[in-house]
């Protein structure tokens, strides 16, 4: 007796594709063949005409829980992920309080496990070097560092999570290196950014959304400061021996790609997480979105090239929600409004659309959103692959299904999406986590609290 059988679908992996049925028992794949009897199962899914992918990950989520849960919480965030075909998420650390100690990490884990619709990993907040090993022992998927502070100190995480002392940063690298896990860093050069933004914009009273677009185009926001921070971080990471996971690649200027390429060529363990919004949101779309995005089309040509040929190891869209009323203030003061982009629910539809357009192959998409992240974060082959003994995580898609994304359909508590009105071709139609159908044809069916925190294999 199977718990679940997938019938008639085309299995697609990062390396090949073939037609086969899949049998699942106790959350694990137990059979892949062309002769599974679907009458001997508790549930059968007809995948005829559909593609069965390894469960898709989204590794850059800000579910705001605990803390500012009017923007999002773990239930709404994991639910919208399931709706978008995502089977595994990694949540960031800008919470109140941040998961930087044993007590706060365990509190967040307990809270997330009581709410989540999909499986997840939790970063430990990199603030105190002496807490790093303790967080990893509790099951953290890695350590996350905000090497930044916003010019006007308006972000909820900046005042408490900014690590701009490179001595402390190096000690965090040293301690993380001992665990074998990644240290993920949001890089910046806060002093440089603050001086440039104040000098050219804030002191002149030029702070509206159009001014922000201009500052972004000059590389003041999410720009040259990030490359400056990355340059020093790469060297510190090298001498510390840590596996460095670079966040926000794509929104950085071209110099970041050159630095990462050089580090990789010298054998340094460096991984680049590319934000798809860097090439999905062009200048015209950004000006229309205004404060509903922090990305303004600066790096579109290079980012698309990097997607296929450059230092890109993981692909995300990012999910950084803020309430629509907070965001609306950015039309008048975009340097004082919280910046973000909403896209975990829209990520896979947007990328399937790019596959249909020929921007990248389906195999490359699977590699960047399933197989490779599961390897980098130490959960392969439990996840990230369709194989006997692996978790029965599947994202089943219809590459011909067309849809118009909308804020009305978004499950985010923020009440909006950055991709409102965008027409896509290619949609997830089933999301399966450990053999349980948590989304079917757009309807989330899984139970609150079903998702589990998954920890890396011990190094």
Protein backbone atom coordinates (compact mmCIF):
# COMPACT_ATOMS: atom_id res chain seq x y z
CA UNK A 1 0.00 0.00 0.00
CA UNK A 2 1.45 3.32 -1.11
CA UNK A 3 0.62 6.58 0.61
CA UNK A 4 0.90 8.44 -2.69
CA UNK A 5 1.41 7.55 -6.33
CA UNK A 6 2.22 10.07 -9.06
CA UNK A 7 1.04 8.68 -12.39
CA UNK A 8 1.88 9.56 -15.97
CA UNK A 9 4.14 12.54 -15.41
CA UNK A 10 7.47 13.39 -16.98
CA UNK A 11 10.17 13.45 -14.32
CA UNK A 12 12.64 16.28 -14.87
CA UNK A 13 15.91 16.69 -12.97
CA UNK A 14 18.97 18.90 -13.33
CA UNK A 15 20.51 16.25 -15.60
CA UNK A 16 17.82 14.32 -17.47
CA UNK A 17 14.12 13.73 -18.02
CA UNK A 18 12.00 10.60 -18.48
CA UNK A 19 8.47 9.28 -18.05
CA UNK A 20 7.82 7.24 -14.92
CA UNK A 21 5.43 6.79 -12.01
CA UNK A 22 6.55 7.43 -8.44
CA UNK A 23 5.47 5.52 -5.32
CA UNK A 24 5.72 7.05 -1.86
CA UNK A 25 5.57 5.46 1.61
CA UNK A 26 6.10 7.30 4.92
CA UNK A 27 7.24 10.47 3.20
CA UNK A 28 9.98 8.77 1.20
CA UNK A 29 10.29 7.75 -2.44
CA UNK A 30 10.20 3.93 -2.54
CA UNK A 31 9.64 3.20 -6.23
CA UNK A 32 10.22 4.85 -9.60
CA UNK A 33 8.93 2.72 -12.49
CA UNK A 34 6.45 2.51 -15.33
CA UNK A 35 4.20 -0.11 -13.76
CA UNK A 36 2.96 1.15 -10.41
CA UNK A 37 -0.61 0.08 -9.65
CA UNK A 38 -2.40 3.27 -8.61
CA UNK A 39 -5.34 1.29 -7.19
CA UNK A 40 -3.10 0.20 -4.33
CA UNK A 41 -2.61 3.67 -2.85
CA UNK A 42 -4.22 6.06 -0.41
CA UNK A 43 -3.92 8.96 -2.87
CA UNK A 44 -3.11 9.13 -6.56
CA UNK A 45 -2.19 12.21 -8.56
CA UNK A 46 -2.66 12.16 -12.33
CA UNK A 47 0.38 14.00 -13.67
CA UNK A 48 -0.32 13.27 -17.33
CA UNK A 49 0.89 16.19 -19.44
CA UNK A 50 2.72 17.69 -16.44
CA UNK A 51 6.37 17.87 -15.40
CA UNK A 52 7.43 16.44 -12.04
CA UNK A 53 10.39 18.37 -10.60
CA UNK A 54 12.36 17.84 -7.41
CA UNK A 55 10.83 20.09 -4.75
CA UNK A 56 11.79 23.70 -5.45
CA UNK A 57 13.53 25.77 -2.76
CA UNK A 58 13.41 29.47 -2.00
CA UNK A 59 16.41 30.32 0.16
CA UNK A 60 15.82 34.01 0.85
CA UNK A 61 12.65 34.61 2.84
CA UNK A 62 11.88 37.23 5.49
CA UNK A 63 8.79 35.93 7.25
CA UNK A 64 9.10 38.60 10.02
CA UNK A 65 8.17 36.12 12.74
CA UNK A 66 8.63 36.79 15.61
CA UNK A 67 8.44 40.55 15.44
CA UNK A 68 6.57 42.62 12.89
CA UNK A 69 3.99 39.99 11.99
CA UNK A 70 1.60 42.54 10.53
CA UNK A 71 3.88 42.31 7.46
CA UNK A 72 4.10 38.50 7.41
CA UNK A 73 4.27 35.57 9.79
CA UNK A 74 5.48 32.01 9.37
CA UNK A 75 2.02 30.71 8.60
CA UNK A 76 1.23 33.20 5.84
CA UNK A 77 4.78 33.07 4.47
CA UNK A 78 4.95 29.29 4.29
CA UNK A 79 1.42 29.14 2.90
CA UNK A 80 2.22 31.51 0.04
CA UNK A 81 5.39 29.50 -0.62
CA UNK A 82 3.31 26.32 -0.94
CA UNK A 83 0.93 28.16 -3.28
CA UNK A 84 3.90 29.05 -5.45
CA UNK A 85 5.22 25.50 -5.74
CA UNK A 86 7.93 25.90 -3.07
CA UNK A 87 8.58 22.86 -0.86
CA UNK A 88 11.45 24.23 1.26
CA UNK A 89 12.24 27.74 2.48
CA UNK A 90 15.09 29.33 4.41
CA UNK A 91 14.08 32.18 6.68
CA UNK A 92 16.29 35.13 7.50
CA UNK A 93 17.17 36.49 10.93
CA UNK A 94 15.79 40.04 11.06
CA UNK A 95 13.33 39.21 13.80
CA UNK A 96 12.45 40.82 17.11
CA UNK A 97 14.23 39.23 18.91
CA UNK A 98 16.76 37.84 16.46
CA UNK A 99 17.68 34.13 16.74
CA UNK A 100 21.17 34.99 18.00
CA UNK A 101 21.21 32.99 21.25
CA UNK A 102 20.11 29.54 22.36
CA UNK A 103 16.91 30.89 23.89
CA UNK A 104 15.85 33.08 20.97
CA UNK A 105 16.71 30.45 18.37
CA UNK A 106 14.70 27.75 20.15
CA UNK A 107 11.77 30.12 20.55
CA UNK A 108 11.79 30.86 16.83
CA UNK A 109 12.09 27.16 15.95
CA UNK A 110 9.13 26.25 18.16
CA UNK A 111 7.04 29.07 16.72
CA UNK A 112 7.88 28.20 13.11
CA UNK A 113 7.20 24.50 13.58
CA UNK A 114 3.76 25.30 15.00
CA UNK A 115 2.82 27.29 11.89
CA UNK A 116 4.68 26.15 8.79
CA UNK A 117 3.00 24.52 5.79
CA UNK A 118 6.32 23.47 4.20
CA UNK A 119 9.71 22.28 5.43
CA UNK A 120 12.22 24.95 6.30
CA UNK A 121 15.69 25.86 7.49
CA UNK A 122 16.55 28.61 9.95
CA UNK A 123 19.70 30.71 9.96
CA UNK A 124 21.27 31.53 13.26
CA UNK A 125 21.88 35.27 13.59
CA UNK A 126 25.58 36.06 13.40
CA UNK A 127 26.08 38.60 16.17
CA UNK A 128 28.07 36.93 18.92
CA UNK A 129 31.02 34.70 17.95
CA UNK A 130 30.67 32.65 21.13
CA UNK A 131 27.09 31.70 20.18
CA UNK A 132 27.83 30.34 16.70
CA UNK A 133 28.58 26.72 17.66
CA UNK A 134 25.60 26.64 20.01
CA UNK A 135 23.25 27.77 17.21
CA UNK A 136 24.66 25.17 14.83
CA UNK A 137 24.27 22.45 17.47
CA UNK A 138 20.60 23.44 17.73
CA UNK A 139 20.14 22.79 14.01
CA UNK A 140 20.78 26.14 12.31
CA UNK A 141 21.17 25.71 8.56
CA UNK A 142 23.94 28.31 8.55
CA UNK A 143 24.89 31.65 10.08
CA UNK A 144 23.54 34.91 8.63
CA UNK A 145 25.34 38.24 9.02
CA UNK A 146 24.08 41.72 8.14
CA UNK A 147 27.34 43.55 7.37
CA UNK A 148 25.37 46.76 6.88
CA UNK A 149 23.40 49.64 8.32
CA UNK A 150 20.91 51.71 6.38
CA UNK A 151 21.72 55.44 6.04
CA UNK A 152 18.66 56.54 8.01
CA UNK A 153 18.54 53.48 10.30
CA UNK A 154 14.96 52.73 9.36
CA UNK A 155 15.07 48.98 8.77
CA UNK A 156 13.81 46.87 11.69
CA UNK A 157 16.98 44.75 11.68
CA UNK A 158 19.70 47.31 11.17
CA UNK A 159 20.14 48.81 14.62
CA UNK A 160 20.41 45.42 16.31
CA UNK A 161 21.85 43.14 13.62
CA UNK A 162 24.40 45.26 11.79
CA UNK A 163 27.93 43.80 12.11
CA UNK A 164 30.17 46.53 10.70
CA UNK A 165 33.15 45.82 12.97
CA UNK A 166 35.40 43.65 10.80
CA UNK A 167 37.07 42.18 13.86
CA UNK A 168 33.75 40.79 15.05
CA UNK A 169 32.92 39.71 11.49
CA UNK A 170 36.21 37.80 11.27
CA UNK A 171 35.57 36.04 14.58
CA UNK A 172 32.12 35.00 13.37
CA UNK A 173 33.79 33.63 10.23
CA UNK A 174 36.30 31.71 12.34
CA UNK A 175 33.63 30.13 14.50
CA UNK A 176 31.40 29.26 11.54
CA UNK A 177 34.36 27.69 9.72
CA UNK A 178 34.75 25.23 12.61
CA UNK A 179 31.20 23.97 12.02
CA UNK A 180 31.57 23.43 8.26
CA UNK A 181 28.36 25.32 7.52
CA UNK A 182 27.99 28.42 5.36
CA UNK A 183 28.13 31.98 6.61
CA UNK A 184 25.68 34.01 4.53
CA UNK A 185 26.42 37.73 4.38
CA UNK A 186 24.47 40.79 3.30
CA UNK A 187 27.44 43.00 2.45
CA UNK A 188 27.79 46.77 2.48
CA UNK A 189 30.06 49.68 3.27
CA UNK A 190 27.69 51.58 5.51
CA UNK A 191 29.86 54.65 6.05
CA UNK A 192 30.41 55.17 2.32
CA UNK A 193 26.73 54.69 1.52
CA UNK A 194 25.63 57.04 4.28
CA UNK A 195 28.01 59.78 3.17
CA UNK A 196 27.04 59.56 -0.50
CA UNK A 197 23.30 59.42 0.14
CA UNK A 198 23.33 62.26 2.66
CA UNK A 199 25.62 64.41 0.50
CA UNK A 200 23.75 64.04 -2.78
CA UNK A 201 20.15 63.49 -1.69
CA UNK A 202 19.05 63.76 1.93
CA UNK A 203 20.84 67.03 2.75
CA UNK A 204 19.31 68.55 -0.39
CA UNK A 205 15.82 67.35 0.53
CA UNK A 206 15.73 65.18 -2.57
CA UNK A 207 14.29 62.01 -1.05
CA UNK A 208 11.27 60.89 -3.08
CA UNK A 209 10.94 57.68 -5.09
CA UNK A 210 12.47 59.24 -8.20
CA UNK A 211 15.52 60.29 -6.17
CA UNK A 212 15.95 56.73 -4.94
CA UNK A 213 15.85 55.44 -8.52
CA UNK A 214 18.59 57.92 -9.37
CA UNK A 215 20.67 56.89 -6.34
CA UNK A 216 20.30 53.24 -7.28
CA UNK A 217 21.38 53.95 -10.84
CA UNK A 218 24.56 55.56 -9.48
CA UNK A 219 25.26 52.55 -7.30
CA UNK A 220 24.67 54.33 -3.99
CA UNK A 221 21.86 52.01 -2.90
CA UNK A 222 22.51 48.25 -3.13
CA UNK A 223 25.53 49.11 -5.22
CA UNK A 224 29.19 50.04 -4.90
CA UNK A 225 29.04 49.86 -1.11
CA UNK A 226 28.05 46.19 -1.38
CA UNK A 227 31.05 45.50 -3.60
CA UNK A 228 33.33 47.32 -1.18
CA UNK A 229 32.02 45.22 1.70
CA UNK A 230 32.30 42.06 -0.38
CA UNK A 231 35.94 42.76 -1.26
CA UNK A 232 37.07 42.83 2.36
CA UNK A 233 34.75 40.01 3.36
CA UNK A 234 36.13 37.68 0.70
CA UNK A 235 39.65 38.11 2.06
CA UNK A 236 38.61 37.71 5.69
CA UNK A 237 36.60 34.62 4.76
CA UNK A 238 39.61 33.17 2.94
CA UNK A 239 41.97 33.46 5.87
CA UNK A 240 39.27 32.24 8.26
CA UNK A 241 38.57 29.24 6.05
CA UNK A 242 34.80 29.72 6.09
CA UNK A 243 32.37 28.76 3.34
CA UNK A 244 31.07 32.21 2.31
CA UNK A 245 27.56 32.50 0.89
CA UNK A 246 27.14 35.86 -0.84
CA UNK A 247 23.63 37.32 -0.77
CA UNK A 248 22.12 39.85 -3.18
CA UNK A 249 24.31 39.00 -6.15
CA UNK A 250 22.63 40.50 -9.19
CA UNK A 251 21.74 43.82 -7.62
CA UNK A 252 25.44 44.49 -7.13
CA UNK A 253 27.46 46.27 -9.84
CA UNK A 254 29.62 44.25 -12.21
CA UNK A 255 32.70 44.38 -9.99
CA UNK A 256 31.09 41.89 -7.63
CA UNK A 257 31.01 39.22 -10.32
CA UNK A 258 34.71 39.72 -11.03
CA UNK A 259 35.60 39.39 -7.34
CA UNK A 260 33.55 36.23 -6.92
CA UNK A 261 34.92 34.73 -10.13
CA UNK A 262 38.48 35.36 -8.95
CA UNK A 263 37.82 33.84 -5.54
CA UNK A 264 36.25 30.76 -7.09
CA UNK A 265 39.12 30.36 -9.55
CA UNK A 266 41.59 30.30 -6.66
CA UNK A 267 39.67 27.49 -4.99
CA UNK A 268 37.96 29.53 -2.28
CA UNK A 269 34.60 28.05 -1.19
CA UNK A 270 32.31 30.91 -2.23
CA UNK A 271 28.67 30.64 -3.31
CA UNK A 272 26.66 33.32 -5.07
CA UNK A 273 22.90 33.70 -4.56
CA UNK A 274 21.53 35.55 -7.59
CA UNK A 275 18.36 37.62 -7.20
CA UNK A 276 16.13 37.14 -10.21
CA UNK A 277 14.48 40.50 -9.61
CA UNK A 278 17.72 42.06 -10.87
CA UNK A 279 16.80 41.03 -14.40
CA UNK A 280 13.02 40.68 -14.06
CA UNK A 281 12.49 44.30 -12.99
CA UNK A 282 13.68 46.73 -15.63
CA UNK A 283 13.90 50.52 -15.27
CA UNK A 284 10.41 51.20 -16.62
CA UNK A 285 8.83 48.61 -14.32
CA UNK A 286 10.83 49.91 -11.36
CA UNK A 287 9.67 53.49 -11.89
CA UNK A 288 6.10 52.22 -11.94
CA UNK A 289 6.64 50.16 -8.77
CA UNK A 290 8.45 52.95 -6.93
CA UNK A 291 8.92 51.93 -3.26
CA UNK A 292 7.45 48.48 -3.92
CA UNK A 293 10.93 47.35 -4.97
CA UNK A 294 14.51 48.29 -4.18
CA UNK A 295 15.80 47.05 -7.56
CA UNK A 296 15.86 49.42 -10.50
CA UNK A 297 17.21 47.61 -13.54
CA UNK A 298 20.85 48.63 -13.23
CA UNK A 299 22.41 45.25 -14.00
CA UNK A 300 19.98 43.56 -16.35
CA UNK A 301 22.38 42.53 -19.16
CA UNK A 302 25.13 41.19 -16.89
CA UNK A 303 22.71 39.50 -14.48
CA UNK A 304 21.10 37.53 -17.30
CA UNK A 305 24.53 36.45 -18.50
CA UNK A 306 25.61 35.46 -14.99
CA UNK A 307 22.47 33.35 -14.64
CA UNK A 308 23.81 30.94 -17.24
CA UNK A 309 27.54 31.56 -17.47
CA UNK A 310 28.78 33.34 -14.37
CA UNK A 311 29.15 32.95 -10.63
CA UNK A 312 25.59 31.87 -9.88
CA UNK A 313 25.06 28.96 -7.51
CA UNK A 314 21.51 29.54 -6.23
CA UNK A 315 18.60 31.48 -7.70
CA UNK A 316 15.97 33.37 -5.68
CA UNK A 317 13.52 36.20 -6.16
CA UNK A 318 13.65 37.29 -2.50
CA UNK A 319 10.70 37.79 -0.22
CA UNK A 320 11.01 40.88 1.97
CA UNK A 321 7.48 42.09 2.76
CA UNK A 322 6.42 45.36 4.34
CA UNK A 323 2.84 46.49 4.87
CA UNK A 324 1.40 48.43 1.96
CA UNK A 325 0.78 51.47 4.17
CA UNK A 326 4.46 51.62 5.18
CA UNK A 327 5.58 51.20 1.60
CA UNK A 328 3.26 53.94 0.34
CA UNK A 329 5.24 56.50 2.36
CA UNK A 330 8.18 55.82 0.07
CA UNK A 331 6.66 57.84 -2.75
CA UNK A 332 7.53 60.93 -0.69
CA UNK A 333 10.56 59.63 1.25
CA UNK A 334 12.04 56.52 -0.33
CA UNK A 335 15.17 56.73 1.84
CA UNK A 336 13.05 56.65 4.98
CA UNK A 337 10.65 53.88 3.95
CA UNK A 338 11.37 50.20 4.48
CA UNK A 339 12.60 48.64 1.25
CA UNK A 340 11.73 45.20 -0.01
CA UNK A 341 10.32 43.06 -2.76
CA UNK A 342 7.59 40.44 -2.52
CA UNK A 343 8.00 37.37 -4.63
CA UNK A 344 8.18 33.91 -3.02
CA UNK A 345 4.71 33.03 -4.31
CA UNK A 346 5.52 34.46 -7.73
CA UNK A 347 9.10 33.16 -7.98
CA UNK A 348 8.51 29.88 -9.76
CA UNK A 349 5.83 31.19 -12.17
CA UNK A 350 8.17 34.03 -13.12
CA UNK A 351 11.06 31.63 -13.70
CA UNK A 352 8.98 29.08 -15.62
CA UNK A 353 8.00 31.97 -17.84
CA UNK A 354 11.69 32.70 -18.38
CA UNK A 355 12.25 29.04 -19.29
CA UNK A 356 9.48 29.32 -21.87
CA UNK A 357 11.12 32.48 -23.20
CA UNK A 358 14.49 30.73 -23.50
CA UNK A 359 16.32 32.76 -20.85
CA UNK A 360 17.50 29.54 -19.19
CA UNK A 361 16.82 25.83 -19.48
CA UNK A 362 14.56 23.92 -17.16
CA UNK A 363 17.56 21.79 -16.15
CA UNK A 364 19.47 24.89 -15.12
CA UNK A 365 16.50 26.18 -13.14
CA UNK A 366 16.21 22.88 -11.26
CA UNK A 367 19.94 22.88 -10.54
CA UNK A 368 19.85 26.41 -9.10
CA UNK A 369 16.64 26.01 -7.09
CA UNK A 370 16.77 22.44 -5.84
CA UNK A 371 19.82 20.25 -6.34
CA UNK A 372 22.59 22.78 -5.72
CA UNK A 373 21.08 24.59 -2.72
CA UNK A 374 20.41 21.24 -1.04
CA UNK A 375 24.09 20.37 -1.55
CA UNK A 376 25.41 23.75 -0.36
CA UNK A 377 23.30 23.64 2.81
CA UNK A 378 24.11 20.01 3.58
CA UNK A 379 20.70 18.39 3.03
CA UNK A 380 21.47 16.42 -0.15
CA UNK A 381 20.43 13.72 -1.04
CA UNK A 382 17.63 13.81 1.51
CA UNK A 383 16.21 16.66 -0.56
CA UNK A 384 16.99 18.20 -3.95
CA UNK A 385 16.71 14.99 -5.98
CA UNK A 386 14.14 12.46 -7.15
CA UNK A 387 15.65 9.15 -6.05
CA UNK A 388 14.79 6.08 -4.00
CA UNK A 389 15.11 6.91 -0.31
CA UNK A 390 14.91 10.68 -0.72
CA UNK A 391 12.14 12.82 0.74
CA UNK A 392 9.06 12.76 -1.50
CA UNK A 393 9.20 16.49 -2.28
CA UNK A 394 7.83 17.37 -5.72
CA UNK A 395 6.88 20.50 -7.57
CA UNK A 396 4.55 19.53 -10.40
CA UNK A 397 4.18 22.13 -13.14
CA UNK A 398 2.17 22.82 -16.26
CA UNK A 399 4.49 24.59 -18.69
CA UNK A 400 1.57 25.63 -20.92
CA UNK A 401 -0.69 27.13 -18.27
CA UNK A 402 -1.00 30.91 -18.56
CA UNK A 403 -1.85 33.19 -15.67
CA UNK A 404 -1.84 36.83 -14.62
CA UNK A 405 -0.21 37.41 -11.24
CA UNK A 406 -2.06 39.81 -8.96
CA UNK A 407 -1.97 41.39 -5.53
CA UNK A 408 -5.51 40.12 -4.99
CA UNK A 409 -4.30 36.51 -5.25
CA UNK A 410 -1.22 37.05 -3.11
CA UNK A 411 -1.39 35.28 0.25
CA UNK A 412 1.09 37.71 1.80
CA UNK A 413 -0.12 39.64 4.84
CA UNK A 414 1.49 42.73 3.31
CA UNK A 415 -1.41 43.01 0.88
CA UNK A 416 0.57 43.41 -2.36
CA UNK A 417 3.06 41.85 -4.73
CA UNK A 418 5.80 43.46 -6.79
CA UNK A 419 4.58 41.50 -9.83
CA UNK A 420 0.97 42.61 -9.90
CA UNK A 421 -0.42 42.36 -13.44
CA UNK A 422 2.48 40.36 -14.90
CA UNK A 423 1.38 37.65 -17.34
CA UNK A 424 3.27 34.37 -17.16
CA UNK A 425 3.29 31.06 -19.01
CA UNK A 426 4.13 28.09 -16.80
CA UNK A 427 2.54 27.46 -13.40
CA UNK A 428 2.93 25.06 -10.48
CA UNK A 429 -0.20 22.94 -10.08
CA UNK A 430 0.82 20.60 -7.23
CA UNK A 431 3.19 21.07 -4.31
CA UNK A 432 4.11 17.87 -2.48
CA UNK A 433 6.12 17.85 0.76
CA UNK A 434 7.21 14.48 2.17
CA UNK A 435 4.46 12.74 0.23
CA UNK A 436 1.71 15.13 1.32
CA UNK A 437 -0.08 17.30 -1.24
CA UNK A 438 0.07 20.77 0.32
CA UNK A 439 -1.15 22.63 -2.78
CA UNK A 440 -3.44 21.37 -5.51
CA UNK A 441 -4.35 23.50 -8.53
CA UNK A 442 -3.74 26.76 -6.70
CA UNK A 443 -5.46 25.81 -3.45
CA UNK A 444 -3.31 25.31 -0.36
CA UNK A 445 -4.47 22.09 1.29
CA UNK A 446 -1.74 21.37 3.79
CA UNK A 447 -2.12 21.77 7.52
CA UNK A 448 -0.63 24.50 9.68
CA UNK A 449 2.30 23.01 11.57
CA UNK A 450 2.96 20.20 9.08
CA UNK A 451 6.32 21.66 8.01
CA UNK A 452 9.47 20.59 9.83
CA UNK A 453 12.76 22.33 10.47
CA UNK A 454 15.43 20.39 8.58
CA UNK A 455 19.01 20.61 9.77
CA UNK A 456 22.22 19.95 7.81
CA UNK A 457 24.09 16.69 8.02
CA UNK A 458 26.88 16.84 10.57
CA UNK A 459 30.17 17.71 8.89
